[in-house]
Amino acid sequence: MSTKHQTVMVGGLLAIVLAVQGCSQPLTTREKGTLTGVGLGAATGAIIGAAVGNPGAGAAIGGAMGGVGGALIGNSLQNQEAQQSQQQQQIEQQNREIQQQRQELEALKRQQQQQRNDDY
């Protein structure tokens, strides 16, 4: 199989994977990282492979390695997003509790003031 044929096959396979992924539900951060890694790895591998006479193999190897690296980075980013989301929910809950306590304090102050006025 010629290197041009291999390159076309790898490019076609990558296009099919991207098209299928684009039709499904929105991508997670991990999936975006993986696809970005695959794309960058395949492109870099093809360039390096072309320099040594085998761009198809370079693209395949680069794509696989880029996919692994991209998945690891995407996973880390997704975990950070989940942690930030959880912290934001906790902050919002605490703000609601603070607001409720402020309202209760104001009500107690009004009640206390009313009792003082009634005592006079």
N, C-alpha and C. Protein backbone atom coordinates (compact mmCIF):
# COMPACT_ATOMS: atom_id res chain seq x y z
N MET A 1 0.84 -1.16 0.00
CA MET A 1 0.00 0.00 0.00
C MET A 1 0.90 1.24 0.00
N SER A 2 0.61 2.20 -0.87
CA SER A 2 1.45 3.38 -0.98
C SER A 2 1.21 4.34 0.19
N THR A 3 2.19 5.18 0.43
CA THR A 3 2.08 6.13 1.54
C THR A 3 0.97 7.13 1.29
N LYS A 4 0.76 7.48 0.04
CA LYS A 4 -0.32 8.41 -0.29
C LYS A 4 -1.66 7.76 0.03
N HIS A 5 -1.79 6.50 -0.29
CA HIS A 5 -3.02 5.77 0.00
C HIS A 5 -3.24 5.67 1.51
N GLN A 6 -2.17 5.40 2.26
CA GLN A 6 -2.27 5.31 3.72
C GLN A 6 -2.69 6.66 4.32
N THR A 7 -2.11 7.73 3.81
CA THR A 7 -2.44 9.06 4.32
C THR A 7 -3.91 9.39 4.06
N VAL A 8 -4.39 9.05 2.87
CA VAL A 8 -5.79 9.29 2.53
C VAL A 8 -6.71 8.47 3.44
N MET A 9 -6.32 7.23 3.71
CA MET A 9 -7.14 6.38 4.58
C MET A 9 -7.19 6.93 6.00
N VAL A 10 -6.05 7.34 6.52
CA VAL A 10 -6.01 7.90 7.88
C VAL A 10 -6.83 9.18 7.94
N GLY A 11 -6.66 10.05 6.96
CA GLY A 11 -7.44 11.29 6.91
C GLY A 11 -8.92 11.02 6.81
N GLY A 12 -9.30 10.06 5.98
CA GLY A 12 -10.72 9.70 5.84
C GLY A 12 -11.29 9.13 7.12
N LEU A 13 -10.52 8.27 7.77
CA LEU A 13 -10.96 7.69 9.03
C LEU A 13 -11.14 8.77 10.09
N LEU A 14 -10.21 9.70 10.15
CA LEU A 14 -10.31 10.81 11.10
C LEU A 14 -11.54 11.66 10.80
N ALA A 15 -11.81 11.92 9.54
CA ALA A 15 -12.98 12.71 9.15
C ALA A 15 -14.28 12.00 9.55
N ILE A 16 -14.33 10.69 9.37
CA ILE A 16 -15.51 9.92 9.74
C ILE A 16 -15.73 9.97 11.25
N VAL A 17 -14.65 9.79 12.01
CA VAL A 17 -14.77 9.84 13.47
C VAL A 17 -15.28 11.20 13.91
N LEU A 18 -14.73 12.26 13.36
CA LEU A 18 -15.16 13.61 13.73
C LEU A 18 -16.62 13.86 13.33
N ALA A 19 -17.02 13.37 12.18
CA ALA A 19 -18.40 13.55 11.72
C ALA A 19 -19.38 12.82 12.63
N VAL A 20 -19.05 11.59 13.02
CA VAL A 20 -19.91 10.82 13.91
C VAL A 20 -20.00 11.50 15.27
N GLN A 21 -18.89 11.96 15.78
CA GLN A 21 -18.88 12.63 17.07
C GLN A 21 -19.68 13.93 17.01
N GLY A 22 -19.62 14.63 15.90
CA GLY A 22 -20.34 15.88 15.77
C GLY A 22 -21.85 15.71 15.75
N CYS A 23 -22.34 14.54 15.39
CA CYS A 23 -23.77 14.29 15.31
C CYS A 23 -24.37 13.87 16.64
N SER A 24 -23.56 13.46 17.58
CA SER A 24 -24.08 13.00 18.86
C SER A 24 -24.24 14.18 19.80
N GLN A 25 -24.52 13.89 21.05
CA GLN A 25 -24.69 14.95 22.04
C GLN A 25 -23.39 15.73 22.21
N PRO A 26 -23.47 16.89 22.87
CA PRO A 26 -22.27 17.72 23.02
C PRO A 26 -21.11 16.95 23.65
N LEU A 27 -19.91 17.27 23.21
CA LEU A 27 -18.72 16.58 23.69
C LEU A 27 -18.35 17.05 25.09
N THR A 28 -17.88 16.13 25.89
CA THR A 28 -17.36 16.49 27.20
C THR A 28 -15.97 17.08 27.02
N THR A 29 -15.46 17.67 28.07
CA THR A 29 -14.12 18.24 28.01
C THR A 29 -13.10 17.14 27.74
N ARG A 30 -13.30 15.97 28.31
CA ARG A 30 -12.40 14.85 28.08
C ARG A 30 -12.40 14.46 26.61
N GLU A 31 -13.58 14.38 26.02
CA GLU A 31 -13.69 14.00 24.60
C GLU A 31 -13.08 15.06 23.69
N LYS A 32 -13.29 16.33 24.03
CA LYS A 32 -12.69 17.40 23.24
C LYS A 32 -11.16 17.31 23.30
N GLY A 33 -10.64 17.04 24.50
CA GLY A 33 -9.19 16.89 24.64
C GLY A 33 -8.66 15.73 23.83
N THR A 34 -9.39 14.62 23.85
CA THR A 34 -8.97 13.44 23.10
C THR A 34 -8.96 13.72 21.60
N LEU A 35 -10.03 14.33 21.10
CA LEU A 35 -10.10 14.62 19.66
C LEU A 35 -9.05 15.63 19.24
N THR A 36 -8.83 16.63 20.09
CA THR A 36 -7.78 17.60 19.77
C THR A 36 -6.42 16.93 19.74
N GLY A 37 -6.17 16.06 20.72
CA GLY A 37 -4.90 15.33 20.76
C GLY A 37 -4.72 14.43 19.55
N VAL A 38 -5.79 13.75 19.16
CA VAL A 38 -5.72 12.88 17.98
C VAL A 38 -5.39 13.70 16.74
N GLY A 39 -6.09 14.81 16.58
CA GLY A 39 -5.87 15.65 15.40
C GLY A 39 -4.47 16.22 15.34
N LEU A 40 -4.03 16.79 16.47
CA LEU A 40 -2.68 17.36 16.49
C LEU A 40 -1.61 16.28 16.37
N GLY A 41 -1.84 15.16 17.05
CA GLY A 41 -0.88 14.06 16.97
C GLY A 41 -0.78 13.48 15.58
N ALA A 42 -1.93 13.31 14.92
CA ALA A 42 -1.92 12.75 13.56
C ALA A 42 -1.24 13.70 12.58
N ALA A 43 -1.53 14.99 12.73
CA ALA A 43 -0.90 15.96 11.83
C ALA A 43 0.61 16.00 12.04
N THR A 44 1.01 16.06 13.30
CA THR A 44 2.45 16.08 13.60
C THR A 44 3.11 14.78 13.15
N GLY A 45 2.44 13.66 13.42
CA GLY A 45 2.99 12.37 13.00
C GLY A 45 3.11 12.25 11.50
N ALA A 46 2.15 12.79 10.78
CA ALA A 46 2.20 12.73 9.32
C ALA A 46 3.37 13.56 8.79
N ILE A 47 3.58 14.73 9.41
CA ILE A 47 4.69 15.58 8.97
C ILE A 47 6.03 14.88 9.24
N ILE A 48 6.16 14.34 10.44
CA ILE A 48 7.41 13.64 10.79
C ILE A 48 7.56 12.38 9.94
N GLY A 49 6.44 11.66 9.76
CA GLY A 49 6.48 10.45 8.94
C GLY A 49 6.84 10.74 7.50
N ALA A 50 6.37 11.88 6.98
CA ALA A 50 6.70 12.24 5.60
C ALA A 50 8.19 12.49 5.45
N ALA A 51 8.80 13.01 6.51
CA ALA A 51 10.24 13.29 6.46
C ALA A 51 11.06 11.99 6.36
N VAL A 52 10.51 10.91 6.92
CA VAL A 52 11.23 9.63 6.86
C VAL A 52 10.63 8.69 5.83
N GLY A 53 9.63 9.17 5.08
CA GLY A 53 9.09 8.38 3.98
C GLY A 53 7.86 7.55 4.30
N ASN A 54 7.22 7.75 5.45
CA ASN A 54 6.03 6.97 5.78
C ASN A 54 5.03 7.83 6.57
N PRO A 55 4.34 8.75 5.87
CA PRO A 55 3.42 9.65 6.57
C PRO A 55 2.20 8.94 7.17
N GLY A 56 1.76 7.87 6.54
CA GLY A 56 0.59 7.13 7.06
C GLY A 56 0.87 6.54 8.43
N ALA A 57 1.99 5.87 8.55
CA ALA A 57 2.35 5.28 9.84
C ALA A 57 2.61 6.37 10.87
N GLY A 58 3.25 7.45 10.46
CA GLY A 58 3.50 8.56 11.37
C GLY A 58 2.20 9.17 11.87
N ALA A 59 1.23 9.31 10.97
CA ALA A 59 -0.07 9.86 11.37
C ALA A 59 -0.79 8.93 12.34
N ALA A 60 -0.73 7.63 12.07
CA ALA A 60 -1.40 6.66 12.94
C ALA A 60 -0.77 6.64 14.33
N ILE A 61 0.54 6.60 14.37
CA ILE A 61 1.24 6.58 15.66
C ILE A 61 1.04 7.91 16.39
N GLY A 62 1.21 9.01 15.67
CA GLY A 62 1.01 10.33 16.27
C GLY A 62 -0.40 10.52 16.77
N GLY A 63 -1.38 10.04 16.00
CA GLY A 63 -2.79 10.16 16.41
C GLY A 63 -3.08 9.38 17.67
N ALA A 64 -2.54 8.18 17.75
CA ALA A 64 -2.74 7.36 18.95
C ALA A 64 -2.10 8.00 20.17
N MET A 65 -0.87 8.45 20.01
CA MET A 65 -0.19 9.08 21.15
C MET A 65 -0.84 10.40 21.52
N GLY A 66 -1.24 11.17 20.53
CA GLY A 66 -1.93 12.43 20.81
C GLY A 66 -3.27 12.20 21.48
N GLY A 67 -3.96 11.12 21.09
CA GLY A 67 -5.24 10.80 21.71
C GLY A 67 -5.09 10.47 23.19
N VAL A 68 -4.05 9.72 23.51
CA VAL A 68 -3.80 9.38 24.92
C VAL A 68 -3.48 10.64 25.71
N GLY A 69 -2.57 11.45 25.19
CA GLY A 69 -2.21 12.69 25.88
C GLY A 69 -3.39 13.63 26.00
N GLY A 70 -4.15 13.76 24.93
CA GLY A 70 -5.33 14.63 24.95
C GLY A 70 -6.38 14.15 25.93
N ALA A 71 -6.55 12.84 26.02
CA ALA A 71 -7.53 12.28 26.97
C ALA A 71 -7.10 12.56 28.40
N LEU A 72 -5.82 12.43 28.69
CA LEU A 72 -5.33 12.70 30.04
C LEU A 72 -5.53 14.16 30.42
N ILE A 73 -5.18 15.05 29.51
CA ILE A 73 -5.34 16.48 29.77
C ILE A 73 -6.83 16.83 29.87
N GLY A 74 -7.62 16.31 28.95
CA GLY A 74 -9.07 16.57 28.97
C GLY A 74 -9.72 16.06 30.24
N ASN A 75 -9.28 14.90 30.70
CA ASN A 75 -9.82 14.33 31.94
C ASN A 75 -9.49 15.23 33.13
N SER A 76 -8.27 15.72 33.17
CA SER A 76 -7.86 16.61 34.26
C SER A 76 -8.69 17.90 34.24
N LEU A 77 -8.88 18.46 33.07
CA LEU A 77 -9.69 19.68 32.95
C LEU A 77 -11.14 19.42 33.34
N GLN A 78 -11.67 18.28 32.94
CA GLN A 78 -13.06 17.94 33.27
C GLN A 78 -13.22 17.78 34.79
N ASN A 79 -12.24 17.17 35.43
CA ASN A 79 -12.29 17.02 36.89
C ASN A 79 -12.25 18.38 37.58
N GLN A 80 -11.44 19.29 37.06
CA GLN A 80 -11.38 20.64 37.62
C GLN A 80 -12.71 21.36 37.44
N GLU A 81 -13.34 21.20 36.27
CA GLU A 81 -14.64 21.82 36.03
C GLU A 81 -15.69 21.29 37.00
N ALA A 82 -15.66 19.99 37.24
CA ALA A 82 -16.63 19.39 38.17
C ALA A 82 -16.41 19.92 39.58
N GLN A 83 -15.17 20.05 39.99
CA GLN A 83 -14.86 20.57 41.32
C GLN A 83 -15.29 22.02 41.44
N GLN A 84 -15.04 22.82 40.42
CA GLN A 84 -15.46 24.23 40.44
C GLN A 84 -16.97 24.35 40.48
N SER A 85 -17.65 23.50 39.74
CA SER A 85 -19.11 23.51 39.75
C SER A 85 -19.66 23.18 41.13
N GLN A 86 -19.07 22.19 41.77
CA GLN A 86 -19.50 21.81 43.10
C GLN A 86 -19.25 22.94 44.09
N GLN A 87 -18.10 23.58 44.00
CA GLN A 87 -17.79 24.71 44.88
C GLN A 87 -18.76 25.86 44.65
N GLN A 88 -19.10 26.12 43.40
CA GLN A 88 -20.04 27.20 43.08
C GLN A 88 -21.41 26.90 43.67
N GLN A 89 -21.85 25.66 43.61
CA GLN A 89 -23.14 25.27 44.20
C GLN A 89 -23.12 25.47 45.70
N GLN A 90 -22.00 25.13 46.34
CA GLN A 90 -21.89 25.32 47.79
C GLN A 90 -21.93 26.81 48.14
N ILE A 91 -21.26 27.63 47.36
CA ILE A 91 -21.26 29.07 47.59
C ILE A 91 -22.68 29.62 47.46
N GLU A 92 -23.39 29.20 46.43
CA GLU A 92 -24.76 29.67 46.22
C GLU A 92 -25.66 29.24 47.37
N GLN A 93 -25.50 28.02 47.85
CA GLN A 93 -26.30 27.54 48.98
C GLN A 93 -26.00 28.36 50.23
N GLN A 94 -24.73 28.63 50.47
CA GLN A 94 -24.35 29.43 51.63
C GLN A 94 -24.89 30.85 51.52
N ASN A 95 -24.88 31.43 50.32
CA ASN A 95 -25.44 32.76 50.13
C ASN A 95 -26.95 32.78 50.41
N ARG A 96 -27.64 31.73 50.01
CA ARG A 96 -29.08 31.64 50.30
C ARG A 96 -29.31 31.57 51.81
N GLU A 97 -28.49 30.78 52.49
CA GLU A 97 -28.62 30.66 53.95
C GLU A 97 -28.32 31.98 54.64
N ILE A 98 -27.30 32.70 54.18
CA ILE A 98 -26.97 34.01 54.75
C ILE A 98 -28.12 34.98 54.55
N GLN A 99 -28.69 34.99 53.36
CA GLN A 99 -29.83 35.88 53.08
C GLN A 99 -31.00 35.55 53.99
N GLN A 100 -31.28 34.29 54.18
CA GLN A 100 -32.37 33.87 55.06
C GLN A 100 -32.09 34.31 56.49
N GLN A 101 -30.87 34.15 56.94
CA GLN A 101 -30.52 34.55 58.31
C GLN A 101 -30.61 36.06 58.48
N ARG A 102 -30.25 36.82 57.46
CA ARG A 102 -30.39 38.29 57.52
C ARG A 102 -31.87 38.67 57.65
N GLN A 103 -32.71 38.01 56.90
CA GLN A 103 -34.15 38.30 56.99
C GLN A 103 -34.69 37.96 58.37
N GLU A 104 -34.22 36.85 58.93
CA GLU A 104 -34.66 36.46 60.27
C GLU A 104 -34.18 37.47 61.31
N LEU A 105 -32.94 37.96 61.17
CA LEU A 105 -32.42 38.97 62.08
C LEU A 105 -33.23 40.26 62.00
N GLU A 106 -33.54 40.68 60.79
CA GLU A 106 -34.35 41.89 60.62
C GLU A 106 -35.73 41.71 61.26
N ALA A 107 -36.30 40.54 61.08
CA ALA A 107 -37.61 40.28 61.68
C ALA A 107 -37.52 40.32 63.21
N LEU A 108 -36.46 39.76 63.77
CA LEU A 108 -36.26 39.79 65.22
C LEU A 108 -36.05 41.21 65.72
N LYS A 109 -35.29 42.00 64.96
CA LYS A 109 -35.07 43.40 65.34
C LYS A 109 -36.39 44.17 65.35
N ARG A 110 -37.20 43.95 64.32
CA ARG A 110 -38.52 44.62 64.26
C ARG A 110 -39.40 44.18 65.42
N GLN A 111 -39.37 42.89 65.70
CA GLN A 111 -40.17 42.36 66.82
C GLN A 111 -39.69 42.95 68.14
N GLN A 112 -38.40 43.04 68.34
CA GLN A 112 -37.83 43.60 69.56
C GLN A 112 -38.18 45.08 69.69
N GLN A 113 -38.10 45.81 68.58
CA GLN A 113 -38.45 47.23 68.58
C GLN A 113 -39.93 47.40 68.89
N GLN A 114 -40.76 46.54 68.34
CA GLN A 114 -42.19 46.62 68.58
C GLN A 114 -42.49 46.36 70.07
N GLN A 115 -41.79 45.42 70.67
CA GLN A 115 -42.00 45.12 72.09
C GLN A 115 -41.58 46.31 72.97
N ARG A 116 -40.49 46.98 72.58
CA ARG A 116 -40.04 48.17 73.33
C ARG A 116 -41.08 49.28 73.23
N ASN A 117 -41.62 49.45 72.02
CA ASN A 117 -42.63 50.49 71.84
C ASN A 117 -43.89 50.18 72.64
N ASP A 118 -44.24 48.89 72.71
CA ASP A 118 -45.44 48.50 73.46
C ASP A 118 -45.24 48.65 74.95
N ASP A 119 -44.00 48.51 75.44
CA ASP A 119 -43.72 48.63 76.87
C ASP A 119 -43.81 50.08 77.33
N TYR A 120 -43.67 51.05 76.49
CA TYR A 120 -43.72 52.46 76.88
C TYR A 120 -45.09 52.93 76.89
